[in-house]
Amino acid sequence: MFGFTEEQISEFGLTFGVGGFVLFMVFIIWDLARKSEAGRLGTFVMFFVLAFGILGFVIKQVLTWMLEK
């Protein structure tokens, strides 16, 4: 399709699709913390837990890239 292989399209979708989803989750958590009046500590804990999920995805991508070389 348009000169791209299936692998290239999936890699693009995975990278930018998950990136966009993560940004959307950041917005959702910020909105949830604001509406629930979680305070600074509660907001920090929410974003800290989200950061672990993002970090896991980034580590997976880096390890996959390193093992393919």
PDB file of N, CA and C in Angstrom:
ATOM      1  N   MET A   1       0.838  -1.171   0.000  1.00  0.00           N
ATOM      2  CA  MET A   1       0.000   0.000   0.000  1.00  0.00           C
ATOM      3  C   MET A   1       0.883   1.233   0.000  1.00  0.00           C
ATOM      4  N   PHE A   2       0.756   2.049  -1.015  1.00  0.00           N
ATOM      5  CA  PHE A   2       1.518   3.292  -1.190  1.00  0.00           C
ATOM      6  C   PHE A   2       3.018   3.046  -1.145  1.00  0.00           C
ATOM      7  N   GLY A   3       3.466   1.855  -1.500  1.00  0.00           N
ATOM      8  CA  GLY A   3       4.894   1.551  -1.542  1.00  0.00           C
ATOM      9  C   GLY A   3       5.487   1.149  -0.204  1.00  0.00           C
ATOM     10  N   PHE A   4       4.662   0.954   0.816  1.00  0.00           N
ATOM     11  CA  PHE A   4       5.153   0.542   2.123  1.00  0.00           C
ATOM     12  C   PHE A   4       4.828  -0.923   2.357  1.00  0.00           C
ATOM     13  N   THR A   5       5.708  -1.586   3.101  1.00  0.00           N
ATOM     14  CA  THR A   5       5.445  -2.980   3.448  1.00  0.00           C
ATOM     15  C   THR A   5       4.530  -3.031   4.677  1.00  0.00           C
ATOM     16  N   GLU A   6       3.991  -4.195   4.920  1.00  0.00           N
ATOM     17  CA  GLU A   6       3.123  -4.369   6.089  1.00  0.00           C
ATOM     18  C   GLU A   6       3.890  -4.108   7.387  1.00  0.00           C
ATOM     19  N   GLU A   7       5.147  -4.506   7.402  1.00  0.00           N
ATOM     20  CA  GLU A   7       5.980  -4.302   8.598  1.00  0.00           C
ATOM     21  C   GLU A   7       6.184  -2.815   8.882  1.00  0.00           C
ATOM     22  N   GLN A   8       6.436  -2.022   7.825  1.00  0.00           N
ATOM     23  CA  GLN A   8       6.634  -0.585   8.010  1.00  0.00           C
ATOM     24  C   GLN A   8       5.359   0.099   8.503  1.00  0.00           C
ATOM     25  N   ILE A   9       4.221  -0.306   7.972  1.00  0.00           N
ATOM     26  CA  ILE A   9       2.949   0.286   8.393  1.00  0.00           C
ATOM     27  C   ILE A   9       2.652  -0.075   9.843  1.00  0.00           C
ATOM     28  N   SER A  10       2.902  -1.338  10.238  1.00  0.00           N
ATOM     29  CA  SER A  10       2.650  -1.731  11.630  1.00  0.00           C
ATOM     30  C   SER A  10       3.588  -1.017  12.588  1.00  0.00           C
ATOM     31  N   GLU A  11       4.844  -0.853  12.217  1.00  0.00           N
ATOM     32  CA  GLU A  11       5.798  -0.153  13.085  1.00  0.00           C
ATOM     33  C   GLU A  11       5.392   1.300  13.268  1.00  0.00           C
ATOM     34  N   PHE A  12       4.973   1.932  12.188  1.00  0.00           N
ATOM     35  CA  PHE A  12       4.504   3.318  12.264  1.00  0.00           C
ATOM     36  C   PHE A  12       3.272   3.419  13.157  1.00  0.00           C
ATOM     37  N   GLY A  13       2.321   2.531  12.959  1.00  0.00           N
ATOM     38  CA  GLY A  13       1.103   2.539  13.757  1.00  0.00           C
ATOM     39  C   GLY A  13       1.372   2.276  15.221  1.00  0.00           C
ATOM     40  N   LEU A  14       2.269   1.348  15.500  1.00  0.00           N
ATOM     41  CA  LEU A  14       2.604   1.031  16.884  1.00  0.00           C
ATOM     42  C   LEU A  14       3.267   2.219  17.563  1.00  0.00           C
ATOM     43  N   THR A  15       4.242   2.810  16.895  1.00  0.00           N
ATOM     44  CA  THR A  15       4.987   3.911  17.502  1.00  0.00           C
ATOM     45  C   THR A  15       4.102   5.128  17.724  1.00  0.00           C
ATOM     46  N   PHE A  16       3.455   5.604  16.678  1.00  0.00           N
ATOM     47  CA  PHE A  16       2.671   6.833  16.798  1.00  0.00           C
ATOM     48  C   PHE A  16       1.290   6.585  17.406  1.00  0.00           C
ATOM     49  N   GLY A  17       0.721   5.427  17.179  1.00  0.00           N
ATOM     50  CA  GLY A  17      -0.571   5.104  17.771  1.00  0.00           C
ATOM     51  C   GLY A  17      -0.486   4.998  19.280  1.00  0.00           C
ATOM     52  N   VAL A  18       0.509   4.270  19.774  1.00  0.00           N
ATOM     53  CA  VAL A  18       0.682   4.135  21.214  1.00  0.00           C
ATOM     54  C   VAL A  18       1.126   5.460  21.818  1.00  0.00           C
ATOM     55  N   GLY A  19       1.955   6.203  21.110  1.00  0.00           N
ATOM     56  CA  GLY A  19       2.363   7.533  21.589  1.00  0.00           C
ATOM     57  C   GLY A  19       1.167   8.461  21.755  1.00  0.00           C
ATOM     58  N   GLY A  20       0.278   8.457  20.778  1.00  0.00           N
ATOM     59  CA  GLY A  20      -0.930   9.271  20.867  1.00  0.00           C
ATOM     60  C   GLY A  20      -1.835   8.798  21.989  1.00  0.00           C
ATOM     61  N   PHE A  21      -1.916   7.499  22.175  1.00  0.00           N
ATOM     62  CA  PHE A  21      -2.728   6.942  23.251  1.00  0.00           C
ATOM     63  C   PHE A  21      -2.175   7.343  24.614  1.00  0.00           C
ATOM     64  N   VAL A  22      -0.856   7.351  24.754  1.00  0.00           N
ATOM     65  CA  VAL A  22      -0.228   7.760  26.011  1.00  0.00           C
ATOM     66  C   VAL A  22      -0.533   9.225  26.300  1.00  0.00           C
ATOM     67  N   LEU A  23      -0.443  10.074  25.294  1.00  0.00           N
ATOM     68  CA  LEU A  23      -0.784  11.489  25.494  1.00  0.00           C
ATOM     69  C   LEU A  23      -2.245  11.652  25.901  1.00  0.00           C
ATOM     70  N   PHE A  24      -3.115  10.867  25.311  1.00  0.00           N
ATOM     71  CA  PHE A  24      -4.529  10.916  25.674  1.00  0.00           C
ATOM     72  C   PHE A  24      -4.726  10.457  27.121  1.00  0.00           C
ATOM     73  N   MET A  25      -3.981   9.424  27.552  1.00  0.00           N
ATOM     74  CA  MET A  25      -4.070   8.959  28.932  1.00  0.00           C
ATOM     75  C   MET A  25      -3.568  10.020  29.907  1.00  0.00           C
ATOM     76  N   VAL A  26      -2.531  10.767  29.529  1.00  0.00           N
ATOM     77  CA  VAL A  26      -2.046  11.862  30.374  1.00  0.00           C
ATOM     78  C   VAL A  26      -3.151  12.893  30.555  1.00  0.00           C
ATOM     79  N   PHE A  27      -3.835  13.232  29.485  1.00  0.00           N
ATOM     80  CA  PHE A  27      -4.947  14.187  29.579  1.00  0.00           C
ATOM     81  C   PHE A  27      -6.058  13.647  30.478  1.00  0.00           C
ATOM     82  N   ILE A  28      -6.391  12.361  30.334  1.00  0.00           N
ATOM     83  CA  ILE A  28      -7.450  11.763  31.143  1.00  0.00           C
ATOM     84  C   ILE A  28      -7.081  11.794  32.628  1.00  0.00           C
ATOM     85  N   ILE A  29      -5.843  11.446  32.952  1.00  0.00           N
ATOM     86  CA  ILE A  29      -5.421  11.437  34.353  1.00  0.00           C
ATOM     87  C   ILE A  29      -5.403  12.850  34.915  1.00  0.00           C
ATOM     88  N   TRP A  30      -4.932  13.817  34.146  1.00  0.00           N
ATOM     89  CA  TRP A  30      -4.933  15.209  34.602  1.00  0.00           C
ATOM     90  C   TRP A  30      -6.365  15.673  34.867  1.00  0.00           C
ATOM     91  N   ASP A  31      -7.273  15.352  33.962  1.00  0.00           N
ATOM     92  CA  ASP A  31      -8.670  15.749  34.126  1.00  0.00           C
ATOM     93  C   ASP A  31      -9.294  15.045  35.334  1.00  0.00           C
ATOM     94  N   LEU A  32      -8.998  13.761  35.507  1.00  0.00           N
ATOM     95  CA  LEU A  32      -9.516  13.005  36.650  1.00  0.00           C
ATOM     96  C   LEU A  32      -8.989  13.582  37.968  1.00  0.00           C
ATOM     97  N   ALA A  33      -7.715  13.903  38.020  1.00  0.00           N
ATOM     98  CA  ALA A  33      -7.129  14.469  39.236  1.00  0.00           C
ATOM     99  C   ALA A  33      -7.750  15.837  39.550  1.00  0.00           C
ATOM    100  N   ARG A  34      -8.005  16.624  38.518  1.00  0.00           N
ATOM    101  CA  ARG A  34      -8.588  17.941  38.718  1.00  0.00           C
ATOM    102  C   ARG A  34     -10.025  17.839  39.203  1.00  0.00           C
ATOM    103  N   LYS A  35     -10.808  16.966  38.575  1.00  0.00           N
ATOM    104  CA  LYS A  35     -12.224  16.848  38.936  1.00  0.00           C
ATOM    105  C   LYS A  35     -12.427  16.194  40.305  1.00  0.00           C
ATOM    106  N   SER A  36     -11.523  15.287  40.685  1.00  0.00           N
ATOM    107  CA  SER A  36     -11.674  14.609  41.971  1.00  0.00           C
ATOM    108  C   SER A  36     -10.991  15.366  43.096  1.00  0.00           C
ATOM    109  N   GLU A  37     -10.355  16.479  42.769  1.00  0.00           N
ATOM    110  CA  GLU A  37      -9.622  17.291  43.746  1.00  0.00           C
ATOM    111  C   GLU A  37      -8.638  16.424  44.529  1.00  0.00           C
ATOM    112  N   ALA A  38      -7.810  15.703  43.802  1.00  0.00           N
ATOM    113  CA  ALA A  38      -6.882  14.746  44.400  1.00  0.00           C
ATOM    114  C   ALA A  38      -5.755  15.425  45.164  1.00  0.00           C
ATOM    115  N   GLY A  39      -5.471  16.662  44.892  1.00  0.00           N
ATOM    116  CA  GLY A  39      -4.361  17.334  45.550  1.00  0.00           C
ATOM    117  C   GLY A  39      -3.049  17.008  44.863  1.00  0.00           C
ATOM    118  N   ARG A  40      -2.000  17.581  45.394  1.00  0.00           N
ATOM    119  CA  ARG A  40      -0.682  17.389  44.763  1.00  0.00           C
ATOM    120  C   ARG A  40      -0.188  15.956  44.884  1.00  0.00           C
ATOM    121  N   LEU A  41      -0.321  15.393  46.079  1.00  0.00           N
ATOM    122  CA  LEU A  41       0.174  14.025  46.280  1.00  0.00           C
ATOM    123  C   LEU A  41      -0.609  13.022  45.445  1.00  0.00           C
ATOM    124  N   GLY A  42      -1.924  13.136  45.434  1.00  0.00           N
ATOM    125  CA  GLY A  42      -2.744  12.222  44.653  1.00  0.00           C
ATOM    126  C   GLY A  42      -2.453  12.331  43.165  1.00  0.00           C
ATOM    127  N   THR A  43      -2.293  13.557  42.674  1.00  0.00           N
ATOM    128  CA  THR A  43      -1.958  13.764  41.259  1.00  0.00           C
ATOM    129  C   THR A  43      -0.589  13.183  40.946  1.00  0.00           C
ATOM    130  N   PHE A  44       0.378  13.398  41.861  1.00  0.00           N
ATOM    131  CA  PHE A  44       1.715  12.851  41.668  1.00  0.00           C
ATOM    132  C   PHE A  44       1.672  11.331  41.586  1.00  0.00           C
ATOM    133  N   VAL A  45       0.923  10.698  42.483  1.00  0.00           N
ATOM    134  CA  VAL A  45       0.834   9.232  42.490  1.00  0.00           C
ATOM    135  C   VAL A  45       0.213   8.731  41.191  1.00  0.00           C
ATOM    136  N   MET A  46      -0.832   9.404  40.713  1.00  0.00           N
ATOM    137  CA  MET A  46      -1.463   8.993  39.453  1.00  0.00           C
ATOM    138  C   MET A  46      -0.482   9.056  38.291  1.00  0.00           C
ATOM    139  N   PHE A  47       0.239  10.161  38.187  1.00  0.00           N
ATOM    140  CA  PHE A  47       1.186  10.300  37.081  1.00  0.00           C
ATOM    141  C   PHE A  47       2.394   9.386  37.255  1.00  0.00           C
ATOM    142  N   PHE A  48       2.795   9.104  38.485  1.00  0.00           N
ATOM    143  CA  PHE A  48       3.916   8.206  38.747  1.00  0.00           C
ATOM    144  C   PHE A  48       3.599   6.798  38.253  1.00  0.00           C
ATOM    145  N   VAL A  49       2.396   6.327  38.532  1.00  0.00           N
ATOM    146  CA  VAL A  49       1.978   4.996  38.079  1.00  0.00           C
ATOM    147  C   VAL A  49       1.901   4.956  36.552  1.00  0.00           C
ATOM    148  N   LEU A  50       1.371   6.027  35.951  1.00  0.00           N
ATOM    149  CA  LEU A  50       1.329   6.086  34.492  1.00  0.00           C
ATOM    150  C   LEU A  50       2.735   6.063  33.903  1.00  0.00           C
ATOM    151  N   ALA A  51       3.685   6.726  34.558  1.00  0.00           N
ATOM    152  CA  ALA A  51       5.061   6.759  34.068  1.00  0.00           C
ATOM    153  C   ALA A  51       5.667   5.363  34.032  1.00  0.00           C
ATOM    154  N   PHE A  52       5.297   4.498  34.986  1.00  0.00           N
ATOM    155  CA  PHE A  52       5.816   3.128  34.952  1.00  0.00           C
ATOM    156  C   PHE A  52       5.327   2.388  33.713  1.00  0.00           C
ATOM    157  N   GLY A  53       4.081   2.597  33.330  1.00  0.00           N
ATOM    158  CA  GLY A  53       3.558   1.972  32.119  1.00  0.00           C
ATOM    159  C   GLY A  53       4.271   2.470  30.878  1.00  0.00           C
ATOM    160  N   ILE A  54       4.500   3.765  30.822  1.00  0.00           N
ATOM    161  CA  ILE A  54       5.204   4.354  29.677  1.00  0.00           C
ATOM    162  C   ILE A  54       6.645   3.849  29.645  1.00  0.00           C
ATOM    163  N   LEU A  55       7.281   3.803  30.805  1.00  0.00           N
ATOM    164  CA  LEU A  55       8.664   3.330  30.882  1.00  0.00           C
ATOM    165  C   LEU A  55       8.772   1.878  30.413  1.00  0.00           C
ATOM    166  N   GLY A  56       7.809   1.061  30.777  1.00  0.00           N
ATOM    167  CA  GLY A  56       7.811  -0.330  30.325  1.00  0.00           C
ATOM    168  C   GLY A  56       7.730  -0.434  28.812  1.00  0.00           C
ATOM    169  N   PHE A  57       6.883   0.402  28.197  1.00  0.00           N
ATOM    170  CA  PHE A  57       6.765   0.395  26.733  1.00  0.00           C
ATOM    171  C   PHE A  57       8.064   0.854  26.086  1.00  0.00           C
ATOM    172  N   VAL A  58       8.680   1.900  26.627  1.00  0.00           N
ATOM    173  CA  VAL A  58       9.931   2.421  26.058  1.00  0.00           C
ATOM    174  C   VAL A  58      11.041   1.385  26.194  1.00  0.00           C
ATOM    175  N   ILE A  59      11.129   0.748  27.337  1.00  0.00           N
ATOM    176  CA  ILE A  59      12.166  -0.280  27.539  1.00  0.00           C
ATOM    177  C   ILE A  59      11.968  -1.429  26.559  1.00  0.00           C
ATOM    178  N   LYS A  60      10.725  -1.831  26.345  1.00  0.00           N
ATOM    179  CA  LYS A  60      10.442  -2.902  25.388  1.00  0.00           C
ATOM    180  C   LYS A  60      10.901  -2.511  23.987  1.00  0.00           C
ATOM    181  N   GLN A  61      10.618  -1.282  23.572  1.00  0.00           N
ATOM    182  CA  GLN A  61      11.022  -0.824  22.242  1.00  0.00           C
ATOM    183  C   GLN A  61      12.546  -0.784  22.116  1.00  0.00           C
ATOM    184  N   VAL A  62      13.222  -0.298  23.147  1.00  0.00           N
ATOM    185  CA  VAL A  62      14.696  -0.207  23.107  1.00  0.00           C
ATOM    186  C   VAL A  62      15.306  -1.601  23.071  1.00  0.00           C
ATOM    187  N   LEU A  63      14.814  -2.513  23.898  1.00  0.00           N
ATOM    188  CA  LEU A  63      15.360  -3.885  23.902  1.00  0.00           C
ATOM    189  C   LEU A  63      15.119  -4.577  22.563  1.00  0.00           C
ATOM    190  N   THR A  64      13.948  -4.388  21.996  1.00  0.00           N
ATOM    191  CA  THR A  64      13.652  -4.982  20.687  1.00  0.00           C
ATOM    192  C   THR A  64      14.601  -4.432  19.629  1.00  0.00           C
ATOM    193  N   TRP A  65      14.815  -3.124  19.666  1.00  0.00           N
ATOM    194  CA  TRP A  65      15.722  -2.500  18.699  1.00  0.00           C
ATOM    195  C   TRP A  65      17.155  -3.005  18.879  1.00  0.00           C
ATOM    196  N   MET A  66      17.598  -3.153  20.132  1.00  0.00           N
ATOM    197  CA  MET A  66      18.976  -3.605  20.400  1.00  0.00           C
ATOM    198  C   MET A  66      19.162  -5.065  19.988  1.00  0.00           C
ATOM    199  N   LEU A  67      18.165  -5.906  20.211  1.00  0.00           N
ATOM    200  CA  LEU A  67      18.303  -7.324  19.875  1.00  0.00           C
ATOM    201  C   LEU A  67      18.240  -7.583  18.372  1.00  0.00           C
ATOM    202  N   GLU A  68      17.653  -6.669  17.613  1.00  0.00           N
ATOM    203  CA  GLU A  68      17.579  -6.843  16.169  1.00  0.00           C
ATOM    204  C   GLU A  68      18.889  -6.525  15.478  1.00  0.00           C
ATOM    205  N   LYS A  69      19.772  -5.816  16.124  1.00  0.00           N
ATOM    206  CA  LYS A  69      21.046  -5.447  15.499  1.00  0.00           C
ATOM    207  C   LYS A  69      21.987  -6.593  15.446  1.00  0.00           C
TER     208      LYS A  69
END
